[in-house]
């Protein structure tokens, strides 16, 4: 009888290089991935598979004078073990500069608006 392997949650930040034919690196793309895996070694391999699966190329139609664009997995920025039994996660996205004036006494109403679906 095979024993059940306990999986734990991992969080990985992946970085892709967006390369333009001739001129080279154009910009970086990054994404957070949260997934289950058996241990750190298998989680690293899984993060690599995720990154390689999301690589892609944009090739212009024949006769069009535009460069080829490749999106290539560049690195696994970090791989964090989050543990077992988790039901919620947060992903810090950084700070965003305020572009509108809001007074200190302003009362926010986050329950007053249900957000639309992403897609």
N, C-alpha and C. Protein backbone atom coordinates (compact mmCIF):
# COMPACT_ATOMS: atom_id res chain seq x y z
N UNK A 1 0.84 -1.17 0.00
CA UNK A 1 0.00 0.00 0.00
C UNK A 1 0.90 1.24 0.00
N UNK A 2 0.58 2.21 -0.86
CA UNK A 2 1.39 3.42 -0.92
C UNK A 2 0.87 4.43 0.10
N UNK A 3 1.84 5.14 0.69
CA UNK A 3 1.45 6.13 1.68
C UNK A 3 1.10 7.45 1.00
N UNK A 4 0.19 8.18 1.57
CA UNK A 4 -0.22 9.47 1.03
C UNK A 4 0.84 10.51 1.38
N UNK A 5 1.33 11.20 0.37
CA UNK A 5 2.33 12.23 0.60
C UNK A 5 1.63 13.56 0.86
N UNK A 6 1.99 14.18 1.96
CA UNK A 6 1.41 15.46 2.33
C UNK A 6 2.02 16.55 1.45
N UNK A 7 1.15 17.33 0.85
CA UNK A 7 1.63 18.44 0.04
C UNK A 7 1.52 19.73 0.83
N UNK A 8 2.42 20.62 0.56
CA UNK A 8 2.40 21.92 1.21
C UNK A 8 2.38 23.01 0.15
N UNK A 9 2.00 24.18 0.59
CA UNK A 9 1.89 25.32 -0.32
C UNK A 9 3.25 26.00 -0.49
N UNK A 10 3.50 26.42 -1.72
CA UNK A 10 4.69 27.19 -2.05
C UNK A 10 4.28 28.42 -2.84
N UNK A 11 5.06 29.46 -2.71
CA UNK A 11 4.85 30.68 -3.49
C UNK A 11 6.15 30.98 -4.21
N UNK A 12 6.04 31.19 -5.52
CA UNK A 12 7.22 31.49 -6.32
C UNK A 12 6.97 32.74 -7.14
N UNK A 13 7.98 33.59 -7.23
CA UNK A 13 7.93 34.72 -8.16
C UNK A 13 8.81 34.34 -9.35
N UNK A 14 8.21 34.37 -10.53
CA UNK A 14 8.91 34.04 -11.75
C UNK A 14 9.15 35.30 -12.56
N UNK A 15 10.29 35.36 -13.25
CA UNK A 15 10.64 36.52 -14.07
C UNK A 15 10.99 36.04 -15.48
N UNK A 16 10.36 36.71 -16.45
CA UNK A 16 10.63 36.44 -17.85
C UNK A 16 11.30 37.66 -18.47
N UNK A 17 12.22 37.42 -19.39
CA UNK A 17 12.84 38.49 -20.17
C UNK A 17 12.10 38.59 -21.49
N UNK A 18 11.63 39.78 -21.82
CA UNK A 18 10.99 40.01 -23.12
C UNK A 18 12.08 40.57 -24.02
N UNK A 19 12.48 39.73 -24.98
CA UNK A 19 13.63 40.03 -25.84
C UNK A 19 13.15 40.39 -27.24
N UNK A 20 13.71 41.47 -27.77
CA UNK A 20 13.38 41.90 -29.13
C UNK A 20 14.58 41.55 -30.02
N UNK A 21 14.25 40.90 -31.13
CA UNK A 21 15.30 40.51 -32.07
C UNK A 21 16.12 41.74 -32.46
N UNK A 22 17.38 41.62 -32.49
CA UNK A 22 18.37 42.64 -32.81
C UNK A 22 18.72 43.49 -31.58
N UNK A 23 17.73 44.16 -30.94
CA UNK A 23 18.06 45.08 -29.85
C UNK A 23 18.20 44.41 -28.49
N UNK A 24 17.71 43.19 -28.31
CA UNK A 24 17.87 42.47 -27.04
C UNK A 24 16.75 42.73 -26.05
N UNK A 25 17.12 42.81 -24.77
CA UNK A 25 16.14 42.94 -23.70
C UNK A 25 15.31 44.21 -23.86
N UNK A 26 13.97 44.04 -23.86
CA UNK A 26 13.05 45.17 -23.95
C UNK A 26 12.49 45.50 -22.56
N UNK A 27 12.03 44.46 -21.84
CA UNK A 27 11.54 44.65 -20.48
C UNK A 27 11.40 43.30 -19.79
N UNK A 28 11.09 43.35 -18.50
CA UNK A 28 10.88 42.16 -17.69
C UNK A 28 9.39 41.98 -17.41
N UNK A 29 8.95 40.74 -17.28
CA UNK A 29 7.60 40.43 -16.80
C UNK A 29 7.77 39.56 -15.57
N UNK A 30 6.93 39.79 -14.56
CA UNK A 30 6.97 38.99 -13.34
C UNK A 30 5.57 38.55 -12.97
N UNK A 31 5.48 37.38 -12.32
CA UNK A 31 4.20 36.88 -11.85
C UNK A 31 4.42 36.04 -10.60
N UNK A 32 3.44 36.08 -9.71
CA UNK A 32 3.43 35.24 -8.51
C UNK A 32 2.64 33.97 -8.82
N UNK A 33 3.14 32.85 -8.36
CA UNK A 33 2.44 31.57 -8.51
C UNK A 33 2.39 30.90 -7.15
N UNK A 34 1.21 30.45 -6.77
CA UNK A 34 1.02 29.74 -5.51
C UNK A 34 0.50 28.35 -5.87
N UNK A 35 1.19 27.31 -5.38
CA UNK A 35 0.85 25.95 -5.80
C UNK A 35 1.24 24.95 -4.71
N UNK A 36 0.69 23.74 -4.83
CA UNK A 36 1.01 22.66 -3.91
C UNK A 36 2.15 21.81 -4.46
N UNK A 37 3.02 21.35 -3.57
CA UNK A 37 4.09 20.45 -3.96
C UNK A 37 4.54 19.66 -2.73
N UNK A 38 5.27 18.59 -2.97
CA UNK A 38 5.67 17.69 -1.88
C UNK A 38 6.80 18.26 -1.03
N UNK A 39 7.77 18.90 -1.66
CA UNK A 39 8.92 19.44 -0.93
C UNK A 39 9.56 20.54 -1.77
N UNK A 40 10.60 21.15 -1.23
CA UNK A 40 11.23 22.29 -1.91
C UNK A 40 11.82 21.90 -3.26
N UNK A 41 12.43 20.74 -3.35
CA UNK A 41 13.03 20.29 -4.61
C UNK A 41 11.99 20.11 -5.70
N UNK A 42 10.88 19.44 -5.38
CA UNK A 42 9.84 19.25 -6.40
C UNK A 42 9.12 20.58 -6.69
N UNK A 43 9.04 21.46 -5.70
CA UNK A 43 8.43 22.77 -5.93
C UNK A 43 9.27 23.59 -6.90
N UNK A 44 10.60 23.51 -6.78
CA UNK A 44 11.47 24.24 -7.71
C UNK A 44 11.28 23.71 -9.13
N UNK A 45 11.21 22.40 -9.28
CA UNK A 45 10.99 21.82 -10.60
C UNK A 45 9.63 22.23 -11.17
N UNK A 46 8.63 22.30 -10.30
CA UNK A 46 7.30 22.72 -10.73
C UNK A 46 7.30 24.19 -11.15
N UNK A 47 8.01 25.03 -10.41
CA UNK A 47 8.11 26.45 -10.77
C UNK A 47 8.79 26.60 -12.14
N UNK A 48 9.83 25.81 -12.38
CA UNK A 48 10.49 25.83 -13.70
C UNK A 48 9.51 25.43 -14.80
N UNK A 49 8.74 24.37 -14.57
CA UNK A 49 7.76 23.92 -15.59
C UNK A 49 6.74 25.02 -15.87
N UNK A 50 6.25 25.66 -14.82
CA UNK A 50 5.29 26.75 -14.99
C UNK A 50 5.91 27.85 -15.85
N UNK A 51 7.13 28.23 -15.53
CA UNK A 51 7.80 29.28 -16.27
C UNK A 51 8.05 28.92 -17.72
N UNK A 52 8.51 27.72 -17.96
CA UNK A 52 8.76 27.29 -19.35
C UNK A 52 7.47 27.20 -20.15
N UNK A 53 6.38 26.78 -19.50
CA UNK A 53 5.09 26.67 -20.20
C UNK A 53 4.58 28.04 -20.63
N UNK A 54 4.99 29.10 -19.94
CA UNK A 54 4.50 30.43 -20.27
C UNK A 54 5.43 31.19 -21.20
N UNK A 55 6.51 30.57 -21.62
CA UNK A 55 7.37 31.19 -22.63
C UNK A 55 6.60 31.25 -23.95
N UNK A 56 6.88 32.27 -24.75
CA UNK A 56 6.23 32.37 -26.05
C UNK A 56 7.01 33.30 -26.97
N UNK A 57 6.71 33.21 -28.25
CA UNK A 57 7.35 34.06 -29.25
C UNK A 57 6.28 34.70 -30.12
N UNK A 58 6.56 35.92 -30.55
CA UNK A 58 5.70 36.62 -31.50
C UNK A 58 6.52 36.83 -32.76
N UNK A 59 6.13 36.14 -33.81
CA UNK A 59 6.85 36.24 -35.07
C UNK A 59 5.99 37.02 -36.05
N UNK A 60 6.53 38.09 -36.63
CA UNK A 60 5.73 38.89 -37.57
C UNK A 60 5.43 38.09 -38.84
N UNK A 61 4.32 38.41 -39.49
CA UNK A 61 3.99 37.73 -40.76
C UNK A 61 5.10 37.95 -41.78
N UNK A 62 5.27 36.98 -42.65
CA UNK A 62 6.31 37.07 -43.67
C UNK A 62 6.11 38.33 -44.50
N UNK A 63 7.20 39.04 -44.74
CA UNK A 63 7.14 40.27 -45.51
C UNK A 63 6.96 41.52 -44.67
N UNK A 64 6.56 41.35 -43.41
CA UNK A 64 6.37 42.51 -42.53
C UNK A 64 7.71 42.83 -41.86
N UNK A 65 8.06 44.10 -41.86
CA UNK A 65 9.35 44.53 -41.30
C UNK A 65 9.18 44.84 -39.81
N UNK A 66 9.11 43.80 -39.02
CA UNK A 66 8.99 43.96 -37.56
C UNK A 66 9.87 42.89 -36.91
N UNK A 67 10.41 43.20 -35.74
CA UNK A 67 11.28 42.22 -35.09
C UNK A 67 10.50 41.08 -34.44
N UNK A 68 11.15 39.96 -34.30
CA UNK A 68 10.58 38.84 -33.55
C UNK A 68 10.72 39.18 -32.06
N UNK A 69 9.73 38.82 -31.26
CA UNK A 69 9.74 39.05 -29.82
C UNK A 69 9.68 37.69 -29.13
N UNK A 70 10.60 37.45 -28.22
CA UNK A 70 10.60 36.22 -27.43
C UNK A 70 10.40 36.58 -25.96
N UNK A 71 9.57 35.81 -25.28
CA UNK A 71 9.40 35.93 -23.84
C UNK A 71 10.01 34.66 -23.24
N UNK A 72 11.15 34.81 -22.55
CA UNK A 72 11.92 33.66 -22.06
C UNK A 72 12.01 33.67 -20.55
N UNK A 73 11.82 32.50 -19.95
CA UNK A 73 11.99 32.40 -18.50
C UNK A 73 13.43 32.76 -18.17
N UNK A 74 13.60 33.75 -17.29
CA UNK A 74 14.94 34.21 -16.92
C UNK A 74 15.37 33.66 -15.56
N UNK A 75 14.43 33.64 -14.59
CA UNK A 75 14.81 33.13 -13.27
C UNK A 75 13.59 32.91 -12.39
N UNK A 76 13.80 32.08 -11.38
CA UNK A 76 12.86 31.96 -10.28
C UNK A 76 13.41 32.93 -9.22
N UNK A 77 12.74 34.04 -9.02
CA UNK A 77 13.23 35.10 -8.14
C UNK A 77 13.29 34.61 -6.70
N UNK A 78 12.20 33.98 -6.25
CA UNK A 78 12.22 33.35 -4.93
C UNK A 78 11.23 32.20 -4.92
N UNK A 79 11.44 31.31 -3.98
CA UNK A 79 10.57 30.16 -3.76
C UNK A 79 10.37 30.05 -2.26
N UNK A 80 9.17 30.35 -1.81
CA UNK A 80 8.88 30.42 -0.38
C UNK A 80 7.95 29.28 0.02
N UNK A 81 8.31 28.57 1.08
CA UNK A 81 7.47 27.51 1.62
C UNK A 81 6.44 28.13 2.54
N UNK A 82 5.14 27.92 2.23
CA UNK A 82 4.06 28.55 3.00
C UNK A 82 3.41 27.59 3.99
N UNK A 83 3.69 26.30 3.90
CA UNK A 83 3.18 25.34 4.86
C UNK A 83 1.94 24.59 4.38
N UNK A 84 1.37 23.80 5.28
CA UNK A 84 0.19 22.99 4.98
C UNK A 84 -1.03 23.58 5.67
N UNK A 85 -2.19 23.20 5.19
CA UNK A 85 -3.43 23.59 5.86
C UNK A 85 -3.84 25.04 5.69
N UNK A 86 -3.21 25.75 4.79
CA UNK A 86 -3.58 27.15 4.56
C UNK A 86 -4.85 27.22 3.71
N UNK A 87 -5.65 28.23 3.95
CA UNK A 87 -6.86 28.42 3.14
C UNK A 87 -6.90 29.81 2.50
N UNK A 88 -5.95 30.66 2.83
CA UNK A 88 -5.92 32.00 2.25
C UNK A 88 -4.48 32.49 2.17
N UNK A 89 -4.21 33.32 1.19
CA UNK A 89 -2.86 33.87 0.98
C UNK A 89 -2.98 35.33 0.61
N UNK A 90 -1.93 36.08 0.87
CA UNK A 90 -1.87 37.44 0.37
C UNK A 90 -0.61 37.58 -0.48
N UNK A 91 -0.68 38.42 -1.46
CA UNK A 91 0.46 38.69 -2.33
C UNK A 91 0.66 40.20 -2.34
N UNK A 92 1.71 40.68 -1.70
CA UNK A 92 1.98 42.11 -1.61
C UNK A 92 2.37 42.63 -2.99
N UNK A 93 1.70 43.66 -3.45
CA UNK A 93 1.95 44.20 -4.79
C UNK A 93 2.71 45.53 -4.76
N UNK A 94 3.09 45.99 -3.61
CA UNK A 94 3.84 47.23 -3.51
C UNK A 94 2.94 48.42 -3.25
N UNK A 95 3.55 49.59 -3.22
CA UNK A 95 2.83 50.83 -2.98
C UNK A 95 2.49 51.49 -4.31
N UNK A 96 1.42 52.27 -4.31
CA UNK A 96 1.01 52.99 -5.51
C UNK A 96 0.79 54.44 -5.13
N UNK A 97 1.38 55.34 -5.88
CA UNK A 97 1.27 56.77 -5.58
C UNK A 97 -0.18 57.23 -5.73
N UNK A 98 -0.63 58.07 -4.78
CA UNK A 98 -1.98 58.63 -4.83
C UNK A 98 -2.01 59.77 -5.84
N UNK A 99 -3.00 59.75 -6.72
CA UNK A 99 -3.13 60.78 -7.75
C UNK A 99 -4.35 61.68 -7.53
N UNK A 100 -5.09 61.45 -6.44
CA UNK A 100 -6.29 62.23 -6.18
C UNK A 100 -6.26 62.72 -4.73
N UNK A 101 -6.77 63.91 -4.47
CA UNK A 101 -6.79 64.41 -3.10
C UNK A 101 -7.94 63.77 -2.30
N UNK A 102 -7.62 63.20 -1.15
CA UNK A 102 -8.63 62.64 -0.25
C UNK A 102 -8.26 63.12 1.15
N UNK A 103 -9.21 63.78 1.78
CA UNK A 103 -8.97 64.33 3.11
C UNK A 103 -8.84 63.25 4.16
N UNK A 104 -8.17 63.60 5.27
CA UNK A 104 -7.92 62.66 6.36
C UNK A 104 -9.20 62.10 6.95
N UNK A 105 -10.26 62.89 6.99
CA UNK A 105 -11.52 62.47 7.61
C UNK A 105 -12.43 61.69 6.66
N UNK A 106 -11.99 61.41 5.47
CA UNK A 106 -12.79 60.67 4.48
C UNK A 106 -13.14 59.29 5.03
N UNK A 107 -14.39 58.88 4.83
CA UNK A 107 -14.85 57.56 5.25
C UNK A 107 -14.97 56.67 4.01
N UNK A 108 -14.20 55.61 3.96
CA UNK A 108 -14.26 54.65 2.85
C UNK A 108 -15.38 53.66 3.09
N UNK A 109 -15.96 53.10 2.01
CA UNK A 109 -17.05 52.13 2.10
C UNK A 109 -16.72 50.92 1.22
N UNK A 110 -15.77 50.08 1.63
CA UNK A 110 -15.38 48.95 0.79
C UNK A 110 -16.49 47.92 0.58
N UNK A 111 -17.47 47.85 1.50
CA UNK A 111 -18.57 46.90 1.35
C UNK A 111 -19.65 47.41 0.41
N UNK A 112 -19.56 48.67 -0.02
CA UNK A 112 -20.59 49.28 -0.85
C UNK A 112 -20.48 48.98 -2.33
N UNK A 113 -19.43 48.28 -2.75
CA UNK A 113 -19.25 47.97 -4.16
C UNK A 113 -18.66 46.58 -4.33
N UNK A 114 -19.39 45.74 -5.04
CA UNK A 114 -18.88 44.41 -5.35
C UNK A 114 -18.03 44.54 -6.61
N UNK A 115 -16.78 44.06 -6.58
CA UNK A 115 -15.92 44.22 -7.75
C UNK A 115 -16.39 43.33 -8.92
N UNK A 116 -16.16 43.78 -10.15
CA UNK A 116 -16.51 42.96 -11.31
C UNK A 116 -15.51 41.82 -11.45
N UNK A 117 -15.87 40.77 -12.22
CA UNK A 117 -14.91 39.69 -12.47
C UNK A 117 -13.74 40.21 -13.30
N UNK A 118 -12.59 39.55 -13.17
CA UNK A 118 -11.39 39.99 -13.89
C UNK A 118 -11.52 39.77 -15.39
N UNK A 119 -12.19 38.71 -15.79
CA UNK A 119 -12.26 38.40 -17.23
C UNK A 119 -13.68 38.37 -17.72
